[in-house]
Amino acid sequence: MSALASVAANADRPNVVFLLSDDQGWNDYGFMGHPHIQTPHLDQLAKSGLVYERGYVTAPLCRPSLASLVTGLYPHQTGIRGNDPVMPASTNRKKDLGVFASLRKRMTAPLHEQPSFVRMLKENGYATLQTGKWWEGDPKEHGFTDAMTHGVESRGGRHGDVGLKIGRTTMQPIYDFVDNAKSKQQPFFIWYGVFLPHAPHNAPQRLYEKYKDVAPDEPTARYWANVEWLDEGCGQIVDYLKQNGLYENTIFVYTCDNGWVQDPKRMNVSVRSKRHPVEAGIRTPIIVSHEGEITASRDRETLASNIDIATTILHACDIDPPAAMTGLDLRDPEQLQKRDRVFVDVYEHDSDLDRLVDLDDGLVARVVIDGWNKLISRPSADELYDLKTDPDDRNDLSTKQPEKVAELKAALNEWLHAGSVK
């Protein structure tokens, strides 16, 4: 292909900005009806795009959740099930850095063998930037042409290191990356895995002042302030692209890695949400916005999943996803309606690397949401909920509807052993 033909081809390819919130409740947005939290920039993306109110993560824990986003696979498929390795007896993650670094290298190795929508974008001519959260070592080994995170364990490279500054202390790496891609007339992808509203809940005082008198307690007020801080960064990216004439050719995809309910008594601590299979831990709104290209609509019933993110981005960029990716195209609500079932893996925070072949090792629960029915299948017991009448999954119906439990448990087993969604 000639240089001119290459430029022409690139001009037809959309840019992609992936906005990933970190530790946020599914209804903690203006566009989701929160009475106090202000998220005007995300509200505008929601208004101009397609919103799935009933979106779900693949795992209510950050590292396995992020790995699923990249690979389009579930944690039980990737082998990336926990944040950290189980340390040998008499060792400590923070004190025995050499042992920890060795185990982390072994722990992150599986991602090299998995499909990656980021790597596929790079292979198809995209400039790709990593910022924020990243657990898998050096991002440049996983398809990113540019990265803030270095991933070196001995230098604090556990889950993002210097990349975590994005949105909290700087936005400049994104601006520089956009400028460079624009100068080369190269389509680009931005991974904005911002460390917000994740603790520490230390948003600027001006934001805390907005909420301190309307929130029920100080921990909640400071969490709410962090949510608006997240929104501000998203708005700065949108504004910069508009200023540079790039907004119209950019797709924005938004989701969260897992849920959060603020503990009213303790700063920076959650209750009954993160790391739990409950709705407050696994539900998230999902937005796909490309103003003028995607018809704006709001879907309050169709089930969507973060497993769909990779395939959606690839389809939008006219790249065929590999067969291993079982997600659907979020731009096609009718396709999602035909599925009407999503799944979630829930494992412990630390993984025993010697037992990853056992899909039940470290298992907390598996979840299937089928229409408005939800089964939480724990090693010790099964729980059944009707989310239409019980959206916070408090009323267990398992003893009253054993047939439904059996039906959904069979669906879980089929999904687990087939490795795909039916």
Foldseek 3Di string as FASTA:
>chain_A
DDPVVVLVLQLPFFAEEEAAAEAAFACLEVCSPDPAFYQPQVNVLQQQFEKESFEWFQELAFFQSVLLLFQLFHCLVQLQAAQAADAPPPDDCVPCLVRRQVRLQVNLVSSLVGHGLLQVCVVVFAAEEEAAWDARADVVSRRHPYYQQHQRSVQPNGTGVRSQCPLPPDPVVVLVSVVVCVVSSTHYYYHNNHCPPADPLCADPVLLVSQCVPDPASQVSSNSSRVNSSSVSSNVSLVSCVVVVRLLRYKYKYKYSWAFATDRPDHRDGDPTRLDPWCRTIGHMITIHRRPPQHNDYHHFFYHYSSQNSCQSCVSRVHHDDPLNQHDHPSDSVVSNVQQKDKHFHFDNHHHPVCSVPSCVRGAWIWMCHRQWIWTGGPVDIFIDRCVVPVRRDDGCCVVCVVVNVVVVVLVVCCSVVSHRD
